[in-house]
Amino acid sequence: QVQLVESGGGLVQAGGSLRLSCVASGTIFSISTMGWYRQGPGKERELVATISSGNNINYADSVTGRFTISRDNSKNTVYLQMNNLKPEDTAVYYCNLKSRLNWNAWGQGTLVTVSS
């Protein structure tokens, strides 16, 4: 069973930056696709960014050019660098692991609040 633990959320002013981290337990991190998703107030959960085991990266249009996803397989950690944050980025951010067998694991979420 994989466990994911996010950290790095908080309160930031518009235009500011935050870096989220997600540490995974177990041994399949390096061969799994990792992703960040978010759920804003009154909204459905949506994709933010994904990074495959081969470092293929995908971003939502709303964050392209502002957010950067990366991974460190030696630390079983995926990161989300968020720059030029906007109030509409306010959400709970969830880390996701998608295994090669297509099952998913989720973290507990970390809250990001961007004030205007």
PDB file of N, CA and C in Angstrom:
ATOM      1  N   GLN A   1       0.844  -1.186   0.000  1.00  0.00           N
ATOM      2  CA  GLN A   1       0.000   0.000   0.000  1.00  0.00           C
ATOM      3  C   GLN A   1       0.885   1.244   0.000  1.00  0.00           C
ATOM      4  N   VAL A   2       0.630   2.124  -0.938  1.00  0.00           N
ATOM      5  CA  VAL A   2       1.399   3.357  -1.051  1.00  0.00           C
ATOM      6  C   VAL A   2       0.732   4.450  -0.236  1.00  0.00           C
ATOM      7  N   GLN A   3       1.535   5.190   0.494  1.00  0.00           N
ATOM      8  CA  GLN A   3       1.038   6.365   1.200  1.00  0.00           C
ATOM      9  C   GLN A   3       1.726   7.600   0.656  1.00  0.00           C
ATOM     10  N   LEU A   4       0.959   8.655   0.488  1.00  0.00           N
ATOM     11  CA  LEU A   4       1.464   9.917  -0.035  1.00  0.00           C
ATOM     12  C   LEU A   4       1.240  11.001   1.005  1.00  0.00           C
ATOM     13  N   VAL A   5       2.274  11.785   1.279  1.00  0.00           N
ATOM     14  CA  VAL A   5       2.176  12.847   2.270  1.00  0.00           C
ATOM     15  C   VAL A   5       2.617  14.157   1.637  1.00  0.00           C
ATOM     16  N   GLU A   6       1.667  15.097   1.534  1.00  0.00           N
ATOM     17  CA  GLU A   6       1.956  16.407   0.954  1.00  0.00           C
ATOM     18  C   GLU A   6       2.365  17.391   2.041  1.00  0.00           C
ATOM     19  N   SER A   7       3.100  18.392   1.629  1.00  0.00           N
ATOM     20  CA  SER A   7       3.445  19.503   2.509  1.00  0.00           C
ATOM     21  C   SER A   7       3.729  20.730   1.657  1.00  0.00           C
ATOM     22  N   GLY A   8       3.776  21.885   2.316  1.00  0.00           N
ATOM     23  CA  GLY A   8       4.151  23.100   1.620  1.00  0.00           C
ATOM     24  C   GLY A   8       3.041  24.092   1.359  1.00  0.00           C
ATOM     25  N   GLY A   9       1.809  23.718   1.665  1.00  0.00           N
ATOM     26  CA  GLY A   9       0.718  24.654   1.472  1.00  0.00           C
ATOM     27  C   GLY A   9       0.762  25.787   2.475  1.00  0.00           C
ATOM     28  N   GLY A  10      -0.084  26.783   2.237  1.00  0.00           N
ATOM     29  CA  GLY A  10      -0.136  27.912   3.150  1.00  0.00           C
ATOM     30  C   GLY A  10      -0.848  29.085   2.542  1.00  0.00           C
ATOM     31  N   LEU A  11      -0.696  30.223   3.199  1.00  0.00           N
ATOM     32  CA  LEU A  11      -1.311  31.475   2.765  1.00  0.00           C
ATOM     33  C   LEU A  11      -0.248  32.342   2.096  1.00  0.00           C
ATOM     34  N   VAL A  12      -0.566  32.848   0.923  1.00  0.00           N
ATOM     35  CA  VAL A  12       0.377  33.683   0.189  1.00  0.00           C
ATOM     36  C   VAL A  12      -0.394  34.779  -0.526  1.00  0.00           C
ATOM     37  N   GLN A  13       0.244  35.911  -0.727  1.00  0.00           N
ATOM     38  CA  GLN A  13      -0.394  36.988  -1.474  1.00  0.00           C
ATOM     39  C   GLN A  13      -0.309  36.726  -2.973  1.00  0.00           C
ATOM     40  N   ALA A  14      -1.229  37.306  -3.695  1.00  0.00           N
ATOM     41  CA  ALA A  14      -1.206  37.187  -5.147  1.00  0.00           C
ATOM     42  C   ALA A  14       0.144  37.658  -5.680  1.00  0.00           C
ATOM     43  N   GLY A  15       0.666  36.891  -6.645  1.00  0.00           N
ATOM     44  CA  GLY A  15       1.984  37.171  -7.187  1.00  0.00           C
ATOM     45  C   GLY A  15       3.111  36.436  -6.495  1.00  0.00           C
ATOM     46  N   GLY A  16       2.800  35.829  -5.371  1.00  0.00           N
ATOM     47  CA  GLY A  16       3.801  35.111  -4.609  1.00  0.00           C
ATOM     48  C   GLY A  16       4.030  33.695  -5.108  1.00  0.00           C
ATOM     49  N   SER A  17       4.875  32.965  -4.372  1.00  0.00           N
ATOM     50  CA  SER A  17       5.262  31.613  -4.771  1.00  0.00           C
ATOM     51  C   SER A  17       5.156  30.652  -3.593  1.00  0.00           C
ATOM     52  N   LEU A  18       4.907  29.400  -3.933  1.00  0.00           N
ATOM     53  CA  LEU A  18       4.950  28.302  -2.964  1.00  0.00           C
ATOM     54  C   LEU A  18       5.508  27.073  -3.665  1.00  0.00           C
ATOM     55  N   ARG A  19       6.112  26.184  -2.886  1.00  0.00           N
ATOM     56  CA  ARG A  19       6.535  24.897  -3.428  1.00  0.00           C
ATOM     57  C   ARG A  19       5.906  23.786  -2.607  1.00  0.00           C
ATOM     58  N   LEU A  20       5.149  22.957  -3.283  1.00  0.00           N
ATOM     59  CA  LEU A  20       4.544  21.794  -2.651  1.00  0.00           C
ATOM     60  C   LEU A  20       5.449  20.586  -2.837  1.00  0.00           C
ATOM     61  N   SER A  21       5.452  19.723  -1.835  1.00  0.00           N
ATOM     62  CA  SER A  21       6.202  18.474  -1.897  1.00  0.00           C
ATOM     63  C   SER A  21       5.273  17.313  -1.562  1.00  0.00           C
ATOM     64  N   CYS A  22       5.569  16.175  -2.121  1.00  0.00           N
ATOM     65  CA  CYS A  22       4.804  14.964  -1.837  1.00  0.00           C
ATOM     66  C   CYS A  22       5.782  13.796  -1.771  1.00  0.00           C
ATOM     67  N   VAL A  23       5.823  13.167  -0.614  1.00  0.00           N
ATOM     68  CA  VAL A  23       6.703  12.022  -0.415  1.00  0.00           C
ATOM     69  C   VAL A  23       5.870  10.744  -0.442  1.00  0.00           C
ATOM     70  N   ALA A  24       6.342   9.769  -1.200  1.00  0.00           N
ATOM     71  CA  ALA A  24       5.639   8.502  -1.338  1.00  0.00           C
ATOM     72  C   ALA A  24       6.378   7.392  -0.609  1.00  0.00           C
ATOM     73  N   SER A  25       5.608   6.507   0.029  1.00  0.00           N
ATOM     74  CA  SER A  25       6.193   5.315   0.624  1.00  0.00           C
ATOM     75  C   SER A  25       6.267   4.226  -0.428  1.00  0.00           C
ATOM     76  N   GLY A  26       6.967   3.161  -0.109  1.00  0.00           N
ATOM     77  CA  GLY A  26       6.999   2.017  -0.997  1.00  0.00           C
ATOM     78  C   GLY A  26       8.098   2.095  -2.044  1.00  0.00           C
ATOM     79  N   THR A  27       8.013   1.171  -2.998  1.00  0.00           N
ATOM     80  CA  THR A  27       9.113   0.989  -3.938  1.00  0.00           C
ATOM     81  C   THR A  27       8.737   1.232  -5.393  1.00  0.00           C
ATOM     82  N   ILE A  28       7.519   1.689  -5.646  1.00  0.00           N
ATOM     83  CA  ILE A  28       7.104   1.822  -7.039  1.00  0.00           C
ATOM     84  C   ILE A  28       7.113   3.263  -7.537  1.00  0.00           C
ATOM     85  N   PHE A  29       7.596   4.184  -6.703  1.00  0.00           N
ATOM     86  CA  PHE A  29       7.547   5.598  -7.080  1.00  0.00           C
ATOM     87  C   PHE A  29       8.196   5.836  -8.435  1.00  0.00           C
ATOM     88  N   SER A  30       9.396   5.300  -8.627  1.00  0.00           N
ATOM     89  CA  SER A  30      10.172   5.635  -9.818  1.00  0.00           C
ATOM     90  C   SER A  30       9.535   5.135 -11.111  1.00  0.00           C
ATOM     91  N   ILE A  31       8.647   4.157 -11.023  1.00  0.00           N
ATOM     92  CA  ILE A  31       8.035   3.606 -12.236  1.00  0.00           C
ATOM     93  C   ILE A  31       6.584   4.044 -12.391  1.00  0.00           C
ATOM     94  N   SER A  32       6.185   5.011 -11.574  1.00  0.00           N
ATOM     95  CA  SER A  32       4.796   5.478 -11.581  1.00  0.00           C
ATOM     96  C   SER A  32       4.691   6.899 -12.120  1.00  0.00           C
ATOM     97  N   THR A  33       3.525   7.199 -12.662  1.00  0.00           N
ATOM     98  CA  THR A  33       3.214   8.581 -13.022  1.00  0.00           C
ATOM     99  C   THR A  33       2.725   9.316 -11.780  1.00  0.00           C
ATOM    100  N   MET A  34       3.287  10.474 -11.556  1.00  0.00           N
ATOM    101  CA  MET A  34       2.913  11.291 -10.408  1.00  0.00           C
ATOM    102  C   MET A  34       2.166  12.528 -10.898  1.00  0.00           C
ATOM    103  N   GLY A  35       1.250  12.978 -10.079  1.00  0.00           N
ATOM    104  CA  GLY A  35       0.482  14.148 -10.495  1.00  0.00           C
ATOM    105  C   GLY A  35       0.039  14.996  -9.320  1.00  0.00           C
ATOM    106  N   TRP A  36      -0.309  16.221  -9.638  1.00  0.00           N
ATOM    107  CA  TRP A  36      -0.936  17.135  -8.701  1.00  0.00           C
ATOM    108  C   TRP A  36      -2.312  17.497  -9.245  1.00  0.00           C
ATOM    109  N   TYR A  37      -3.290  17.439  -8.373  1.00  0.00           N
ATOM    110  CA  TYR A  37      -4.651  17.835  -8.676  1.00  0.00           C
ATOM    111  C   TYR A  37      -5.088  18.855  -7.634  1.00  0.00           C
ATOM    112  N   ARG A  38      -6.146  19.584  -7.923  1.00  0.00           N
ATOM    113  CA  ARG A  38      -6.637  20.543  -6.940  1.00  0.00           C
ATOM    114  C   ARG A  38      -8.152  20.615  -6.972  1.00  0.00           C
ATOM    115  N   GLN A  39      -8.696  21.013  -5.830  1.00  0.00           N
ATOM    116  CA  GLN A  39     -10.140  21.198  -5.731  1.00  0.00           C
ATOM    117  C   GLN A  39     -10.400  22.509  -5.021  1.00  0.00           C
ATOM    118  N   GLY A  40     -10.911  23.462  -5.786  1.00  0.00           N
ATOM    119  CA  GLY A  40     -11.237  24.767  -5.230  1.00  0.00           C
ATOM    120  C   GLY A  40     -12.605  24.773  -4.577  1.00  0.00           C
ATOM    121  N   PRO A  41     -12.922  25.838  -3.848  1.00  0.00           N
ATOM    122  CA  PRO A  41     -14.222  25.929  -3.167  1.00  0.00           C
ATOM    123  C   PRO A  41     -15.380  25.805  -4.153  1.00  0.00           C
ATOM    124  N   GLY A  42     -16.245  24.843  -3.927  1.00  0.00           N
ATOM    125  CA  GLY A  42     -17.403  24.656  -4.779  1.00  0.00           C
ATOM    126  C   GLY A  42     -17.105  24.104  -6.164  1.00  0.00           C
ATOM    127  N   LYS A  43     -15.889  23.606  -6.334  1.00  0.00           N
ATOM    128  CA  LYS A  43     -15.500  23.100  -7.655  1.00  0.00           C
ATOM    129  C   LYS A  43     -15.163  21.615  -7.583  1.00  0.00           C
ATOM    130  N   GLU A  44     -15.109  20.999  -8.749  1.00  0.00           N
ATOM    131  CA  GLU A  44     -14.683  19.609  -8.831  1.00  0.00           C
ATOM    132  C   GLU A  44     -13.151  19.536  -8.839  1.00  0.00           C
ATOM    133  N   ARG A  45     -12.644  18.379  -8.479  1.00  0.00           N
ATOM    134  CA  ARG A  45     -11.200  18.184  -8.523  1.00  0.00           C
ATOM    135  C   ARG A  45     -10.731  18.221  -9.972  1.00  0.00           C
ATOM    136  N   GLU A  46      -9.610  18.909 -10.208  1.00  0.00           N
ATOM    137  CA  GLU A  46      -9.094  19.050 -11.559  1.00  0.00           C
ATOM    138  C   GLU A  46      -7.602  18.784 -11.598  1.00  0.00           C
ATOM    139  N   LEU A  47      -7.171  18.368 -12.785  1.00  0.00           N
ATOM    140  CA  LEU A  47      -5.750  18.120 -13.010  1.00  0.00           C
ATOM    141  C   LEU A  47      -4.977  19.433 -13.003  1.00  0.00           C
ATOM    142  N   VAL A  48      -3.823  19.432 -12.334  1.00  0.00           N
ATOM    143  CA  VAL A  48      -2.904  20.564 -12.401  1.00  0.00           C
ATOM    144  C   VAL A  48      -1.707  20.208 -13.284  1.00  0.00           C
ATOM    145  N   ALA A  49      -1.046  19.093 -12.958  1.00  0.00           N
ATOM    146  CA  ALA A  49       0.135  18.683 -13.715  1.00  0.00           C
ATOM    147  C   ALA A  49       0.433  17.228 -13.448  1.00  0.00           C
ATOM    148  N   THR A  50       1.037  16.571 -14.428  1.00  0.00           N
ATOM    149  CA  THR A  50       1.500  15.199 -14.244  1.00  0.00           C
ATOM    150  C   THR A  50       2.912  15.057 -14.795  1.00  0.00           C
ATOM    151  N   ILE A  51       3.629  14.083 -14.251  1.00  0.00           N
ATOM    152  CA  ILE A  51       4.972  13.760 -14.738  1.00  0.00           C
ATOM    153  C   ILE A  51       5.107  12.247 -14.731  1.00  0.00           C
ATOM    154  N   SER A  52       5.452  11.703 -15.885  1.00  0.00           N
ATOM    155  CA  SER A  52       5.547  10.252 -16.008  1.00  0.00           C
ATOM    156  C   SER A  52       6.896   9.754 -15.494  1.00  0.00           C
ATOM    157  N   SER A  53       7.037   8.437 -15.474  1.00  0.00           N
ATOM    158  CA  SER A  53       8.309   7.855 -15.053  1.00  0.00           C
ATOM    159  C   SER A  53       9.429   8.232 -16.007  1.00  0.00           C
ATOM    160  N   GLY A  54       9.077   8.539 -17.245  1.00  0.00           N
ATOM    161  CA  GLY A  54      10.057   8.967 -18.233  1.00  0.00           C
ATOM    162  C   GLY A  54      10.175  10.471 -18.340  1.00  0.00           C
ATOM    163  N   ASN A  55       9.585  11.174 -17.360  1.00  0.00           N
ATOM    164  CA  ASN A  55       9.646  12.641 -17.291  1.00  0.00           C
ATOM    165  C   ASN A  55       8.875  13.352 -18.412  1.00  0.00           C
ATOM    166  N   ASN A  56       7.875  12.695 -18.940  1.00  0.00           N
ATOM    167  CA  ASN A  56       6.939  13.411 -19.812  1.00  0.00           C
ATOM    168  C   ASN A  56       5.991  14.202 -18.921  1.00  0.00           C
ATOM    169  N   ILE A  57       5.811  15.483 -19.245  1.00  0.00           N
ATOM    170  CA  ILE A  57       5.087  16.407 -18.378  1.00  0.00           C
ATOM    171  C   ILE A  57       3.877  16.976 -19.099  1.00  0.00           C
ATOM    172  N   ASN A  58       2.819  17.122 -18.321  1.00  0.00           N
ATOM    173  CA  ASN A  58       1.577  17.693 -18.838  1.00  0.00           C
ATOM    174  C   ASN A  58       1.054  18.699 -17.824  1.00  0.00           C
ATOM    175  N   TYR A  59       0.622  19.871 -18.322  1.00  0.00           N
ATOM    176  CA  TYR A  59       0.070  20.913 -17.458  1.00  0.00           C
ATOM    177  C   TYR A  59      -1.336  21.290 -17.899  1.00  0.00           C
ATOM    178  N   ALA A  60      -2.141  21.684 -16.934  1.00  0.00           N
ATOM    179  CA  ALA A  60      -3.401  22.329 -17.269  1.00  0.00           C
ATOM    180  C   ALA A  60      -3.101  23.689 -17.888  1.00  0.00           C
ATOM    181  N   ASP A  61      -3.950  24.118 -18.805  1.00  0.00           N
ATOM    182  CA  ASP A  61      -3.735  25.399 -19.476  1.00  0.00           C
ATOM    183  C   ASP A  61      -3.659  26.548 -18.477  1.00  0.00           C
ATOM    184  N   SER A  62      -4.425  26.447 -17.407  1.00  0.00           N
ATOM    185  CA  SER A  62      -4.517  27.549 -16.453  1.00  0.00           C
ATOM    186  C   SER A  62      -3.235  27.773 -15.659  1.00  0.00           C
ATOM    187  N   VAL A  63      -2.332  26.800 -15.650  1.00  0.00           N
ATOM    188  CA  VAL A  63      -1.111  26.946 -14.858  1.00  0.00           C
ATOM    189  C   VAL A  63       0.150  26.943 -15.726  1.00  0.00           C
ATOM    190  N   THR A  64       0.004  26.695 -17.004  1.00  0.00           N
ATOM    191  CA  THR A  64       1.168  26.638 -17.897  1.00  0.00           C
ATOM    192  C   THR A  64       1.921  27.962 -17.851  1.00  0.00           C
ATOM    193  N   GLY A  65       3.234  27.842 -17.664  1.00  0.00           N
ATOM    194  CA  GLY A  65       4.063  29.039 -17.595  1.00  0.00           C
ATOM    195  C   GLY A  65       4.228  29.590 -16.193  1.00  0.00           C
ATOM    196  N   ARG A  66       3.428  29.098 -15.250  1.00  0.00           N
ATOM    197  CA  ARG A  66       3.531  29.570 -13.867  1.00  0.00           C
ATOM    198  C   ARG A  66       3.943  28.455 -12.909  1.00  0.00           C
ATOM    199  N   PHE A  67       3.501  27.240 -13.177  1.00  0.00           N
ATOM    200  CA  PHE A  67       3.788  26.105 -12.301  1.00  0.00           C
ATOM    201  C   PHE A  67       4.787  25.179 -12.977  1.00  0.00           C
ATOM    202  N   THR A  68       5.613  24.510 -12.152  1.00  0.00           N
ATOM    203  CA  THR A  68       6.570  23.534 -12.657  1.00  0.00           C
ATOM    204  C   THR A  68       6.518  22.284 -11.785  1.00  0.00           C
ATOM    205  N   ILE A  69       6.295  21.151 -12.427  1.00  0.00           N
ATOM    206  CA  ILE A  69       6.310  19.877 -11.717  1.00  0.00           C
ATOM    207  C   ILE A  69       7.663  19.212 -11.950  1.00  0.00           C
ATOM    208  N   SER A  70       8.163  18.561 -10.912  1.00  0.00           N
ATOM    209  CA  SER A  70       9.429  17.838 -11.033  1.00  0.00           C
ATOM    210  C   SER A  70       9.409  16.671 -10.048  1.00  0.00           C
ATOM    211  N   ARG A  71      10.361  15.762 -10.241  1.00  0.00           N
ATOM    212  CA  ARG A  71      10.432  14.610  -9.360  1.00  0.00           C
ATOM    213  C   ARG A  71      11.866  14.276  -9.031  1.00  0.00           C
ATOM    214  N   ASP A  72      12.076  13.688  -7.861  1.00  0.00           N
ATOM    215  CA  ASP A  72      13.380  13.203  -7.431  1.00  0.00           C
ATOM    216  C   ASP A  72      13.183  11.761  -7.002  1.00  0.00           C
ATOM    217  N   ASN A  73      13.536  10.842  -7.885  1.00  0.00           N
ATOM    218  CA  ASN A  73      13.296   9.425  -7.593  1.00  0.00           C
ATOM    219  C   ASN A  73      14.141   8.923  -6.430  1.00  0.00           C
ATOM    220  N   SER A  74      15.276   9.561  -6.185  1.00  0.00           N
ATOM    221  CA  SER A  74      16.128   9.132  -5.072  1.00  0.00           C
ATOM    222  C   SER A  74      15.488   9.451  -3.720  1.00  0.00           C
ATOM    223  N   LYS A  75      14.536  10.390  -3.733  1.00  0.00           N
ATOM    224  CA  LYS A  75      13.848  10.784  -2.510  1.00  0.00           C
ATOM    225  C   LYS A  75      12.375  10.401  -2.509  1.00  0.00           C
ATOM    226  N   ASN A  76      11.946   9.681  -3.545  1.00  0.00           N
ATOM    227  CA  ASN A  76      10.512   9.334  -3.661  1.00  0.00           C
ATOM    228  C   ASN A  76       9.625  10.566  -3.501  1.00  0.00           C
ATOM    229  N   THR A  77      10.039  11.657  -4.122  1.00  0.00           N
ATOM    230  CA  THR A  77       9.349  12.933  -3.910  1.00  0.00           C
ATOM    231  C   THR A  77       9.017  13.598  -5.240  1.00  0.00           C
ATOM    232  N   VAL A  78       7.821  14.153  -5.304  1.00  0.00           N
ATOM    233  CA  VAL A  78       7.406  14.980  -6.431  1.00  0.00           C
ATOM    234  C   VAL A  78       7.128  16.380  -5.892  1.00  0.00           C
ATOM    235  N   TYR A  79       7.478  17.361  -6.711  1.00  0.00           N
ATOM    236  CA  TYR A  79       7.354  18.755  -6.307  1.00  0.00           C
ATOM    237  C   TYR A  79       6.415  19.502  -7.264  1.00  0.00           C
ATOM    238  N   LEU A  80       5.843  20.579  -6.750  1.00  0.00           N
ATOM    239  CA  LEU A  80       5.106  21.509  -7.598  1.00  0.00           C
ATOM    240  C   LEU A  80       5.526  22.916  -7.198  1.00  0.00           C
ATOM    241  N   GLN A  81       6.328  23.537  -8.052  1.00  0.00           N
ATOM    242  CA  GLN A  81       6.726  24.922  -7.839  1.00  0.00           C
ATOM    243  C   GLN A  81       5.659  25.813  -8.440  1.00  0.00           C
ATOM    244  N   MET A  82       5.088  26.676  -7.627  1.00  0.00           N
ATOM    245  CA  MET A  82       3.996  27.542  -8.079  1.00  0.00           C
ATOM    246  C   MET A  82       4.426  28.992  -7.960  1.00  0.00           C
ATOM    247  N   ASN A  83       4.516  29.656  -9.094  1.00  0.00           N
ATOM    248  CA  ASN A  83       4.917  31.064  -9.140  1.00  0.00           C
ATOM    249  C   ASN A  83       3.759  31.919  -9.647  1.00  0.00           C
ATOM    250  N   ASN A  84       3.860  33.214  -9.387  1.00  0.00           N
ATOM    251  CA  ASN A  84       2.834  34.162  -9.824  1.00  0.00           C
ATOM    252  C   ASN A  84       1.429  33.655  -9.476  1.00  0.00           C
ATOM    253  N   LEU A  85       1.261  33.286  -8.239  1.00  0.00           N
ATOM    254  CA  LEU A  85      -0.018  32.727  -7.800  1.00  0.00           C
ATOM    255  C   LEU A  85      -1.136  33.749  -7.893  1.00  0.00           C
ATOM    256  N   LYS A  86      -2.321  33.240  -8.208  1.00  0.00           N
ATOM    257  CA  LYS A  86      -3.507  34.063  -8.364  1.00  0.00           C
ATOM    258  C   LYS A  86      -4.574  33.600  -7.374  1.00  0.00           C
ATOM    259  N   PRO A  87      -5.507  34.474  -7.027  1.00  0.00           N
ATOM    260  CA  PRO A  87      -6.573  34.051  -6.099  1.00  0.00           C
ATOM    261  C   PRO A  87      -7.323  32.810  -6.591  1.00  0.00           C
ATOM    262  N   GLU A  88      -7.454  32.670  -7.901  1.00  0.00           N
ATOM    263  CA  GLU A  88      -8.166  31.502  -8.426  1.00  0.00           C
ATOM    264  C   GLU A  88      -7.374  30.206  -8.285  1.00  0.00           C
ATOM    265  N   ASP A  89      -6.123  30.289  -7.836  1.00  0.00           N
ATOM    266  CA  ASP A  89      -5.347  29.081  -7.533  1.00  0.00           C
ATOM    267  C   ASP A  89      -5.670  28.541  -6.142  1.00  0.00           C
ATOM    268  N   THR A  90      -6.461  29.270  -5.372  1.00  0.00           N
ATOM    269  CA  THR A  90      -6.840  28.813  -4.042  1.00  0.00           C
ATOM    270  C   THR A  90      -7.578  27.479  -4.132  1.00  0.00           C
ATOM    271  N   ALA A  91      -7.068  26.487  -3.418  1.00  0.00           N
ATOM    272  CA  ALA A  91      -7.630  25.139  -3.495  1.00  0.00           C
ATOM    273  C   ALA A  91      -6.894  24.231  -2.515  1.00  0.00           C
ATOM    274  N   VAL A  92      -7.473  23.061  -2.330  1.00  0.00           N
ATOM    275  CA  VAL A  92      -6.737  21.973  -1.693  1.00  0.00           C
ATOM    276  C   VAL A  92      -6.019  21.224  -2.807  1.00  0.00           C
ATOM    277  N   TYR A  93      -4.717  21.064  -2.655  1.00  0.00           N
ATOM    278  CA  TYR A  93      -3.897  20.404  -3.663  1.00  0.00           C
ATOM    279  C   TYR A  93      -3.601  18.979  -3.210  1.00  0.00           C
ATOM    280  N   TYR A  94      -3.852  18.043  -4.112  1.00  0.00           N
ATOM    281  CA  TYR A  94      -3.688  16.619  -3.818  1.00  0.00           C
ATOM    282  C   TYR A  94      -2.595  16.017  -4.695  1.00  0.00           C
ATOM    283  N   CYS A  95      -1.788  15.205  -4.081  1.00  0.00           N
ATOM    284  CA  CYS A  95      -0.780  14.422  -4.795  1.00  0.00           C
ATOM    285  C   CYS A  95      -1.412  13.101  -5.231  1.00  0.00           C
ATOM    286  N   ASN A  96      -1.047  12.659  -6.414  1.00  0.00           N
ATOM    287  CA  ASN A  96      -1.585  11.417  -6.963  1.00  0.00           C
ATOM    288  C   ASN A  96      -0.466  10.551  -7.513  1.00  0.00           C
ATOM    289  N   LEU A  97      -0.577   9.265  -7.261  1.00  0.00           N
ATOM    290  CA  LEU A  97       0.305   8.272  -7.881  1.00  0.00           C
ATOM    291  C   LEU A  97      -0.559   7.336  -8.702  1.00  0.00           C
ATOM    292  N   LYS A  98      -0.202   7.181  -9.965  1.00  0.00           N
ATOM    293  CA  LYS A  98      -0.893   6.241 -10.842  1.00  0.00           C
ATOM    294  C   LYS A  98       0.084   5.135 -11.216  1.00  0.00           C
ATOM    295  N   SER A  99      -0.260   3.920 -10.784  1.00  0.00           N
ATOM    296  CA  SER A  99       0.656   2.812 -11.017  1.00  0.00           C
ATOM    297  C   SER A  99       0.555   2.320 -12.454  1.00  0.00           C
ATOM    298  N   ARG A 100       1.494   1.465 -12.831  1.00  0.00           N
ATOM    299  CA  ARG A 100       1.463   0.879 -14.175  1.00  0.00           C
ATOM    300  C   ARG A 100       0.278  -0.071 -14.338  1.00  0.00           C
ATOM    301  N   LEU A 101      -0.310  -0.494 -13.233  1.00  0.00           N
ATOM    302  CA  LEU A 101      -1.507  -1.337 -13.283  1.00  0.00           C
ATOM    303  C   LEU A 101      -2.772  -0.483 -13.202  1.00  0.00           C
ATOM    304  N   ASN A 102      -2.588   0.844 -13.306  1.00  0.00           N
ATOM    305  CA  ASN A 102      -3.701   1.807 -13.370  1.00  0.00           C
ATOM    306  C   ASN A 102      -4.521   1.929 -12.102  1.00  0.00           C
ATOM    307  N   TRP A 103      -3.967   1.619 -10.948  1.00  0.00           N
ATOM    308  CA  TRP A 103      -4.643   1.988  -9.714  1.00  0.00           C
ATOM    309  C   TRP A 103      -4.033   3.279  -9.192  1.00  0.00           C
ATOM    310  N   ASN A 104      -4.808   3.989  -8.419  1.00  0.00           N
ATOM    311  CA  ASN A 104      -4.424   5.310  -7.956  1.00  0.00           C
ATOM    312  C   ASN A 104      -4.300   5.371  -6.444  1.00  0.00           C
ATOM    313  N   ALA A 105      -3.325   6.157  -5.996  1.00  0.00           N
ATOM    314  CA  ALA A 105      -3.215   6.503  -4.583  1.00  0.00           C
ATOM    315  C   ALA A 105      -3.262   8.019  -4.468  1.00  0.00           C
ATOM    316  N   TRP A 106      -3.861   8.500  -3.361  1.00  0.00           N
ATOM    317  CA  TRP A 106      -4.019   9.940  -3.151  1.00  0.00           C
ATOM    318  C   TRP A 106      -3.472  10.329  -1.788  1.00  0.00           C
ATOM    319  N   GLY A 107      -2.933  11.530  -1.743  1.00  0.00           N
ATOM    320  CA  GLY A 107      -2.553  12.104  -0.468  1.00  0.00           C
ATOM    321  C   GLY A 107      -3.758  12.729   0.215  1.00  0.00           C
ATOM    322  N   GLN A 108      -3.517  13.270   1.390  1.00  0.00           N
ATOM    323  CA  GLN A 108      -4.607  13.841   2.182  1.00  0.00           C
ATOM    324  C   GLN A 108      -4.917  15.280   1.772  1.00  0.00           C
ATOM    325  N   GLY A 109      -4.045  15.877   1.009  1.00  0.00           N
ATOM    326  CA  GLY A 109      -4.269  17.238   0.525  1.00  0.00           C
ATOM    327  C   GLY A 109      -3.571  18.279   1.379  1.00  0.00           C
ATOM    328  N   THR A 110      -3.203  19.375   0.734  1.00  0.00           N
ATOM    329  CA  THR A 110      -2.625  20.511   1.431  1.00  0.00           C
ATOM    330  C   THR A 110      -3.287  21.777   0.894  1.00  0.00           C
ATOM    331  N   LEU A 111      -3.674  22.665   1.783  1.00  0.00           N
ATOM    332  CA  LEU A 111      -4.439  23.845   1.416  1.00  0.00           C
ATOM    333  C   LEU A 111      -3.525  24.983   0.984  1.00  0.00           C
ATOM    334  N   VAL A 112      -3.838  25.532  -0.165  1.00  0.00           N
ATOM    335  CA  VAL A 112      -3.170  26.735  -0.663  1.00  0.00           C
ATOM    336  C   VAL A 112      -4.209  27.844  -0.750  1.00  0.00           C
ATOM    337  N   THR A 113      -3.924  28.946  -0.085  1.00  0.00           N
ATOM    338  CA  THR A 113      -4.821  30.099  -0.105  1.00  0.00           C
ATOM    339  C   THR A 113      -4.061  31.300  -0.635  1.00  0.00           C
ATOM    340  N   VAL A 114      -4.589  31.900  -1.694  1.00  0.00           N
ATOM    341  CA  VAL A 114      -3.955  33.062  -2.305  1.00  0.00           C
ATOM    342  C   VAL A 114      -4.857  34.268  -2.082  1.00  0.00           C
ATOM    343  N   SER A 115      -4.340  35.251  -1.375  1.00  0.00           N
ATOM    344  CA  SER A 115      -5.117  36.455  -1.086  1.00  0.00           C
ATOM    345  C   SER A 115      -4.855  37.517  -2.141  1.00  0.00           C
ATOM    346  N   SER A 116      -5.877  38.308  -2.395  1.00  0.00           N
ATOM    347  CA  SER A 116      -5.748  39.357  -3.417  1.00  0.00           C
ATOM    348  C   SER A 116      -5.263  40.667  -2.817  1.00  0.00           C
TER     349      SER A 116
END
